[in-house]
Amino acid sequence: MSYRVAINGLGRIGRSVLRAWFERPVGPPLELVALNELADIQTLAHLTRYDSTHGKFSGSVAVEGQHLVVNGCRMAVSHTPDIAELPWRELGVDLVLECTGAFSDRSAAMVHLQQGAQRVLFSQPAEPDVDATIVYGVNHQSLRPEHRIVSNASCTTNCIVPVIQVLNEAFGIEHGVITTIHSAMNDQPVIDAYHHTDLRKTRSAFQSIIPVDTGLARGIDRLLPALAGRFEAQAMRVPVVNVSAMDLTVMLQTGSSREAVNALFREAATRFPPGVLGWTDEPLASCDFNHDTRSAIVDLSQTRLSGDRLLKVLVWFD
C-alpha cells in the first residue's frame, strides 16, 4: 500500500524537494502524486530540468497534459491559489509538504486536512501551535503517530542545533552568540527596489552584505529547552547564490582544547544518522559545499579557543 505525498509550492524549496526526491529515489511505499504551483506547467518542467545553482537534472522530465512526469513518475499538477480548493481528497493524498513559505500556523495546516490530506509537514519554521517541530538527528525520535501537523524547522536550525547539542553534552554551555552568513534569497532584489517591511532589503542582493532579522534563537529554545534564553543570533545576507555558513561562539562550562573539540566532532559525526553531521579539515570555500546534502559540516580548520572556554566554531550548510 502506497503512502501518497503532495507538494504545495514549487519555488526554491519545493523544486529542491522535487529534484532530491528523484536524485535519491525514496521508493515504496512513498509515492509523489501531486504538485500545486501557480506557475504554468511548462515553466515548472523547465525549471525542474535546469537549475542555475544545482545544474541540469540527470533524469527525464516531460509534460503530459496536466501531469508532470519525472523519471516515469506521473504527478498531477494544479495551479490553485486558495488552499481551501486543493484536490487532496480526490487524489488520496496522505501527506502535504507545505513549501510555499506563505503559511506557518495550525489554522493553515488544518485547511489542508479539511481538504482531505492526513498530515502536513511545513518546510520552514512554524508557530508554536503545531504538533511538533522536528530536527532530524536531534529530536526525531519524539515524533508520534498523533502528530499530524509538523514543522521541519529552518535550514539554520537544522545546521546549528546538532552542533550545539554535541558541545553542550560534552562540555556544557553557559551562553552563546550565532552569526549566520547566508546566501542571497528571493526576498532580495537584484537591483535596488522597494520592500514592504525592511529598508535594508531594498538594496541589491549582489552589491551589499545585508544584516537581516532572524528567529534562530527562538528555534534553539524550542528544540533545546535546557538552553532556553542562553543564545542570541544575528544574520547577514552575502552576495553568493548558494551555501551558507554559521559562526558559533559559545562560553563552555568546562575548559577544553582545540584538538579535543575537533576530536569530539569527528567522533560525534559517527553517532548521528547519515546525512546530519559532517566535518572537514580541508582548505575549502563555500562553493565546495554546493549540493551537499548534510545538515551541518563543521570546518575543523576554523575552530578557535580563547583561553580554554571561549570557543568559536564555523559550520557550513547548503
Protein backbone atom coordinates (compact mmCIF):
# COMPACT_ATOMS: atom_id res chain seq x y z
CA MET A 1 0.00 0.00 0.00
CA SER A 2 1.48 3.35 -1.04
CA TYR A 3 1.77 6.50 1.06
CA ARG A 4 0.78 9.37 -1.20
CA VAL A 5 2.62 12.70 -0.98
CA ALA A 6 1.88 16.13 -2.49
CA ILE A 7 4.00 19.29 -2.64
CA ASN A 8 2.31 22.68 -2.28
CA GLY A 9 4.58 25.39 -3.69
CA LEU A 10 7.31 24.68 -6.24
CA GLY A 11 9.60 27.63 -5.56
CA ARG A 12 13.21 27.31 -4.44
CA ILE A 13 12.43 24.81 -1.67
CA GLY A 14 9.64 22.89 -3.37
CA ARG A 15 11.66 22.29 -6.54
CA SER A 16 14.67 21.28 -4.48
CA VAL A 17 12.50 18.70 -2.73
CA LEU A 18 11.17 17.51 -6.09
CA ARG A 19 14.63 17.08 -7.60
CA ALA A 20 16.05 15.48 -4.45
CA TRP A 21 13.16 13.02 -4.40
CA PHE A 22 14.24 11.63 -7.77
CA GLU A 23 18.00 12.12 -7.44
CA ARG A 24 17.99 9.90 -4.36
CA PRO A 25 14.95 7.72 -5.03
CA VAL A 26 12.71 7.36 -2.00
CA GLY A 27 10.86 4.34 -3.35
CA PRO A 28 7.87 2.43 -1.99
CA PRO A 29 5.75 2.89 -0.04
CA LEU A 30 6.23 6.67 -0.55
CA GLU A 31 4.79 7.98 -3.81
CA LEU A 32 4.84 11.59 -5.03
CA VAL A 33 1.46 12.08 -6.71
CA ALA A 34 0.58 15.79 -6.84
CA LEU A 35 2.09 19.27 -7.19
CA ASN A 36 0.39 22.62 -6.71
CA GLU A 37 2.17 25.66 -8.13
CA LEU A 38 0.87 28.94 -9.55
CA ALA A 39 3.39 28.96 -12.40
CA ASP A 40 2.38 27.18 -15.61
CA ILE A 41 3.34 23.55 -16.07
CA GLN A 42 5.81 24.21 -18.92
CA THR A 43 7.77 26.63 -16.73
CA LEU A 44 7.72 24.12 -13.89
CA ALA A 45 9.10 21.44 -16.19
CA HIS A 46 11.83 23.77 -17.50
CA LEU A 47 12.96 24.80 -14.00
CA THR A 48 12.99 21.16 -12.93
CA ARG A 49 15.26 20.25 -15.85
CA TYR A 50 17.58 23.24 -15.49
CA ASP A 51 18.70 24.81 -12.23
CA SER A 52 21.23 27.65 -12.12
CA THR A 53 22.52 26.51 -8.74
CA HIS A 54 22.38 22.72 -8.88
CA GLY A 55 22.80 22.13 -12.61
CA LYS A 56 20.89 20.07 -15.13
CA PHE A 57 18.66 17.30 -13.78
CA SER A 58 20.15 13.94 -14.73
CA GLY A 59 16.81 12.18 -15.22
CA SER A 60 13.89 12.66 -17.58
CA VAL A 61 11.25 15.40 -17.32
CA ALA A 62 8.15 15.57 -19.52
CA VAL A 63 4.72 17.18 -19.60
CA GLU A 64 1.66 15.07 -20.37
CA GLY A 65 -1.45 17.23 -20.24
CA GLN A 66 -1.76 18.39 -16.63
CA HIS A 67 0.78 15.87 -15.37
CA LEU A 68 4.50 16.36 -14.80
CA VAL A 69 6.34 13.12 -15.48
CA VAL A 70 9.76 12.76 -13.84
CA ASN A 71 11.70 9.53 -14.36
CA GLY A 72 8.41 7.91 -15.36
CA CYS A 73 6.54 9.06 -12.25
CA ARG A 74 3.29 10.90 -13.15
CA MET A 75 2.27 13.74 -10.85
CA ALA A 76 -0.97 15.67 -11.19
CA VAL A 77 -0.28 19.43 -11.41
CA SER A 78 -2.74 22.07 -10.22
CA HIS A 79 -2.46 25.87 -10.14
CA THR A 80 -4.77 26.66 -7.24
CA PRO A 81 -4.04 29.85 -5.23
CA ASP A 82 -6.57 29.03 -2.50
CA ILE A 83 -5.53 26.05 -0.37
CA ALA A 84 -9.21 25.58 0.54
CA GLU A 85 -9.76 24.41 -3.04
CA LEU A 86 -6.92 21.89 -3.32
CA PRO A 87 -7.95 18.39 -4.51
CA TRP A 88 -6.23 16.32 -1.85
CA ARG A 89 -9.27 14.14 -1.11
CA GLU A 90 -9.81 13.25 -4.76
CA LEU A 91 -6.12 12.40 -5.15
CA GLY A 92 -5.95 10.37 -1.94
CA VAL A 93 -3.12 12.47 -0.52
CA ASP A 94 -1.71 11.29 2.81
CA LEU A 95 0.97 13.95 3.37
CA VAL A 96 1.29 17.52 2.12
CA LEU A 97 4.76 19.06 2.03
CA GLU A 98 3.86 22.73 2.57
CA CYS A 99 6.68 24.55 0.75
CA THR A 100 5.13 27.88 -0.24
CA GLY A 101 6.62 29.74 2.72
CA ALA A 102 3.31 31.61 2.93
CA PHE A 103 1.83 29.54 5.77
CA SER A 104 3.26 28.69 9.15
CA ASP A 105 0.48 28.01 11.64
CA ARG A 106 -2.03 25.38 12.63
CA SER A 107 -5.00 27.11 11.04
CA ALA A 108 -3.43 26.95 7.58
CA ALA A 109 -2.44 23.32 8.05
CA MET A 110 -5.97 22.48 9.11
CA VAL A 111 -7.21 23.69 5.72
CA HIS A 112 -5.05 21.02 4.07
CA LEU A 113 -6.52 18.43 6.44
CA GLN A 114 -10.05 19.62 5.72
CA GLN A 115 -9.31 19.16 2.02
CA GLY A 116 -8.55 15.50 2.64
CA ALA A 117 -4.85 15.30 3.49
CA GLN A 118 -3.95 13.24 6.54
CA ARG A 119 -0.80 15.11 7.58
CA VAL A 120 1.11 18.33 6.87
CA LEU A 121 4.86 18.93 7.04
CA PHE A 122 5.99 22.57 6.91
CA SER A 123 9.32 23.11 5.15
CA GLN A 124 10.01 26.16 7.33
CA PRO A 125 9.66 27.22 10.97
CA ALA A 126 6.08 27.20 12.19
CA GLU A 127 4.20 28.77 15.05
CA PRO A 128 4.19 27.03 18.45
CA ASP A 129 0.64 25.76 17.86
CA VAL A 130 1.77 22.95 15.53
CA ASP A 131 2.01 19.43 16.95
CA ALA A 132 5.81 19.25 16.79
CA THR A 133 8.94 20.88 15.42
CA ILE A 134 11.39 18.19 14.39
CA VAL A 135 15.09 18.43 13.54
CA TYR A 136 16.21 15.09 12.18
CA GLY A 137 19.09 13.71 14.21
CA VAL A 138 18.19 15.76 17.29
CA ASN A 139 14.61 15.04 18.30
CA HIS A 140 13.13 12.92 15.50
CA GLN A 141 12.54 10.08 17.94
CA SER A 142 9.97 12.26 19.71
CA LEU A 143 7.71 12.17 16.64
CA ARG A 144 4.44 10.40 17.46
CA PRO A 145 1.59 8.98 15.31
CA GLU A 146 -0.77 11.60 16.73
CA HIS A 147 1.46 14.41 15.38
CA ARG A 148 -0.39 15.41 12.20
CA ILE A 149 0.97 18.96 11.77
CA VAL A 150 4.76 19.14 11.95
CA SER A 151 7.45 21.69 11.13
CA ASN A 152 10.87 20.74 9.81
CA ALA A 153 12.30 23.97 11.34
CA SER A 154 14.69 26.21 9.37
CA CYS A 155 17.86 25.46 7.43
CA THR A 156 19.88 27.32 10.06
CA THR A 157 18.24 25.43 12.92
CA ASN A 158 18.94 22.09 11.24
CA CYS A 159 22.56 23.17 10.85
CA ILE A 160 23.40 24.60 14.23
CA VAL A 161 21.29 22.63 16.72
CA PRO A 162 23.18 19.33 16.25
CA VAL A 163 26.46 21.21 16.79
CA ILE A 164 25.18 22.92 19.94
CA GLN A 165 23.84 19.62 21.23
CA VAL A 166 27.23 17.95 20.82
CA LEU A 167 29.06 20.75 22.62
CA ASN A 168 26.54 21.01 25.44
CA GLU A 169 26.58 17.28 26.13
CA ALA A 170 30.39 17.22 26.22
CA PHE A 171 31.28 20.48 27.97
CA GLY A 172 28.11 22.33 28.95
CA ILE A 173 27.32 25.76 27.50
CA GLU A 174 26.87 28.90 29.60
CA HIS A 175 25.74 31.13 26.73
CA GLY A 176 26.46 31.83 23.09
CA VAL A 177 26.07 34.07 20.05
CA ILE A 178 25.47 32.89 16.49
CA THR A 179 26.02 34.80 13.26
CA THR A 180 24.52 33.29 10.14
CA ILE A 181 26.38 34.20 6.95
CA HIS A 182 23.60 33.43 4.49
CA SER A 183 23.47 33.33 0.72
CA ALA A 184 21.10 35.74 -1.03
CA MET A 185 17.41 34.83 -1.05
CA ASN A 186 14.42 35.55 -3.27
CA ASP A 187 13.06 38.25 -0.96
CA GLN A 188 16.01 40.44 -2.05
CA PRO A 189 16.09 42.40 -5.33
CA VAL A 190 18.78 42.03 -7.98
CA ILE A 191 18.89 45.83 -8.23
CA ASP A 192 17.55 48.34 -5.70
CA ALA A 193 13.77 48.05 -5.33
CA TYR A 194 11.02 48.66 -2.81
CA HIS A 195 10.47 46.24 0.07
CA HIS A 196 7.32 46.25 2.17
CA THR A 197 8.94 45.85 5.60
CA ASP A 198 12.74 46.12 5.60
CA LEU A 199 14.66 49.09 4.20
CA ARG A 200 17.87 47.07 4.09
CA LYS A 201 16.18 44.61 1.73
CA THR A 202 15.58 47.42 -0.76
CA ARG A 203 19.26 47.15 -1.69
CA SER A 204 20.75 44.97 -4.39
CA ALA A 205 21.41 41.43 -3.17
CA PHE A 206 24.63 41.27 -5.16
CA GLN A 207 26.19 44.58 -4.20
CA SER A 208 25.99 44.51 -0.41
CA ILE A 209 26.38 42.49 2.75
CA ILE A 210 22.98 43.00 4.37
CA PRO A 211 22.03 42.47 8.03
CA VAL A 212 18.60 40.84 8.40
CA ASP A 213 16.40 39.70 11.26
CA THR A 214 16.43 36.06 12.35
CA GLY A 215 14.29 33.95 14.66
CA LEU A 216 17.04 31.37 15.15
CA ALA A 217 17.37 31.92 18.91
CA ARG A 218 13.68 31.08 19.35
CA GLY A 219 14.20 27.91 17.35
CA ILE A 220 17.05 26.85 19.62
CA ASP A 221 14.89 27.49 22.69
CA ARG A 222 12.18 25.25 21.24
CA LEU A 223 14.48 22.39 20.26
CA LEU A 224 16.86 22.54 23.24
CA PRO A 225 14.73 23.82 26.14
CA ALA A 226 17.53 23.19 28.66
CA LEU A 227 19.43 26.03 26.92
CA ALA A 228 16.46 28.40 26.64
CA GLY A 229 17.49 32.04 26.90
CA ARG A 230 21.20 31.36 26.55
CA PHE A 231 21.63 32.26 22.86
CA GLU A 232 21.42 35.39 20.77
CA ALA A 233 21.52 35.29 16.98
CA GLN A 234 22.04 37.64 14.05
CA ALA A 235 22.20 37.11 10.30
CA MET A 236 23.94 38.65 7.31
CA ARG A 237 23.00 38.07 3.67
CA VAL A 238 26.04 37.93 1.41
CA PRO A 239 26.33 38.16 -2.40
CA VAL A 240 26.52 34.44 -3.24
CA VAL A 241 23.78 32.31 -4.81
CA ASN A 242 24.09 29.27 -2.55
CA VAL A 243 25.79 27.76 0.50
CA SER A 244 25.80 29.49 3.87
CA ALA A 245 27.92 29.38 7.00
CA MET A 246 27.25 29.72 10.70
CA ASP A 247 29.71 31.35 13.06
CA LEU A 248 29.05 29.94 16.53
CA THR A 249 30.66 31.46 19.62
CA VAL A 250 30.00 29.81 23.00
CA MET A 251 31.30 30.04 26.53
CA LEU A 252 31.87 26.48 27.69
CA GLN A 253 31.25 25.45 31.28
CA THR A 254 34.22 23.06 31.21
CA GLY A 255 37.54 24.01 29.67
CA SER A 256 38.89 22.19 26.62
CA SER A 257 41.37 22.49 23.77
CA ARG A 258 41.13 22.92 20.01
CA GLU A 259 42.36 19.38 19.49
CA ALA A 260 39.81 17.93 21.91
CA VAL A 261 36.93 19.86 20.35
CA ASN A 262 37.85 18.71 16.85
CA ALA A 263 38.22 15.12 18.03
CA LEU A 264 34.78 15.40 19.59
CA PHE A 265 33.19 16.46 16.29
CA ARG A 266 34.93 13.66 14.38
CA GLU A 267 33.53 11.13 16.83
CA ALA A 268 30.10 12.74 17.14
CA ALA A 269 29.56 12.62 13.37
CA THR A 270 29.50 8.82 13.60
CA ARG A 271 26.71 8.88 16.20
CA PHE A 272 24.21 10.86 14.16
CA PRO A 273 22.06 9.35 11.42
CA PRO A 274 23.74 9.58 7.99
CA GLY A 275 23.43 12.98 6.39
CA VAL A 276 23.14 15.05 9.57
CA LEU A 277 26.58 16.00 10.92
CA GLY A 278 29.78 16.05 8.93
CA TRP A 279 33.20 17.62 9.19
CA THR A 280 36.09 18.69 7.01
CA ASP A 281 39.68 19.67 7.67
CA GLU A 282 40.46 20.58 4.06
CA PRO A 283 41.04 24.20 2.93
CA LEU A 284 37.62 24.55 1.29
CA ALA A 285 35.46 27.52 0.24
CA SER A 286 31.69 27.85 0.24
CA CYS A 287 31.27 26.67 -3.37
CA ASP A 288 32.74 23.30 -2.41
CA PHE A 289 29.62 22.54 -0.36
CA ASN A 290 27.14 23.21 -3.15
CA HIS A 291 24.67 20.29 -3.37
CA ASP A 292 25.98 18.82 -0.11
CA THR A 293 23.05 17.03 1.50
CA ARG A 294 24.34 17.09 5.08
CA SER A 295 22.61 19.34 7.60
CA ALA A 296 25.90 20.63 9.03
CA ILE A 297 29.57 20.37 8.10
CA VAL A 298 31.94 21.56 10.82
CA ASP A 299 35.09 23.20 9.43
CA LEU A 300 37.71 21.89 11.84
CA SER A 301 40.38 24.19 10.37
CA GLN A 302 38.45 27.19 11.75
CA THR A 303 37.99 26.01 15.35
CA ARG A 304 39.35 28.62 17.77
CA LEU A 305 39.62 28.85 21.57
CA SER A 306 40.38 31.95 23.61
CA GLY A 307 41.61 30.64 26.92
CA ASP A 308 40.09 27.22 27.34
CA ARG A 309 36.37 28.09 27.42
CA LEU A 310 35.57 30.77 24.82
CA LEU A 311 35.04 28.67 21.70
CA LYS A 312 34.38 29.64 18.09
CA VAL A 313 33.21 27.08 15.51
CA LEU A 314 32.44 27.52 11.80
CA VAL A 315 29.75 25.32 10.24
CA TRP A 316 28.77 25.10 6.55
CA PHE A 317 25.45 24.08 5.01
CA ASP A 318 23.75 24.05 1.63
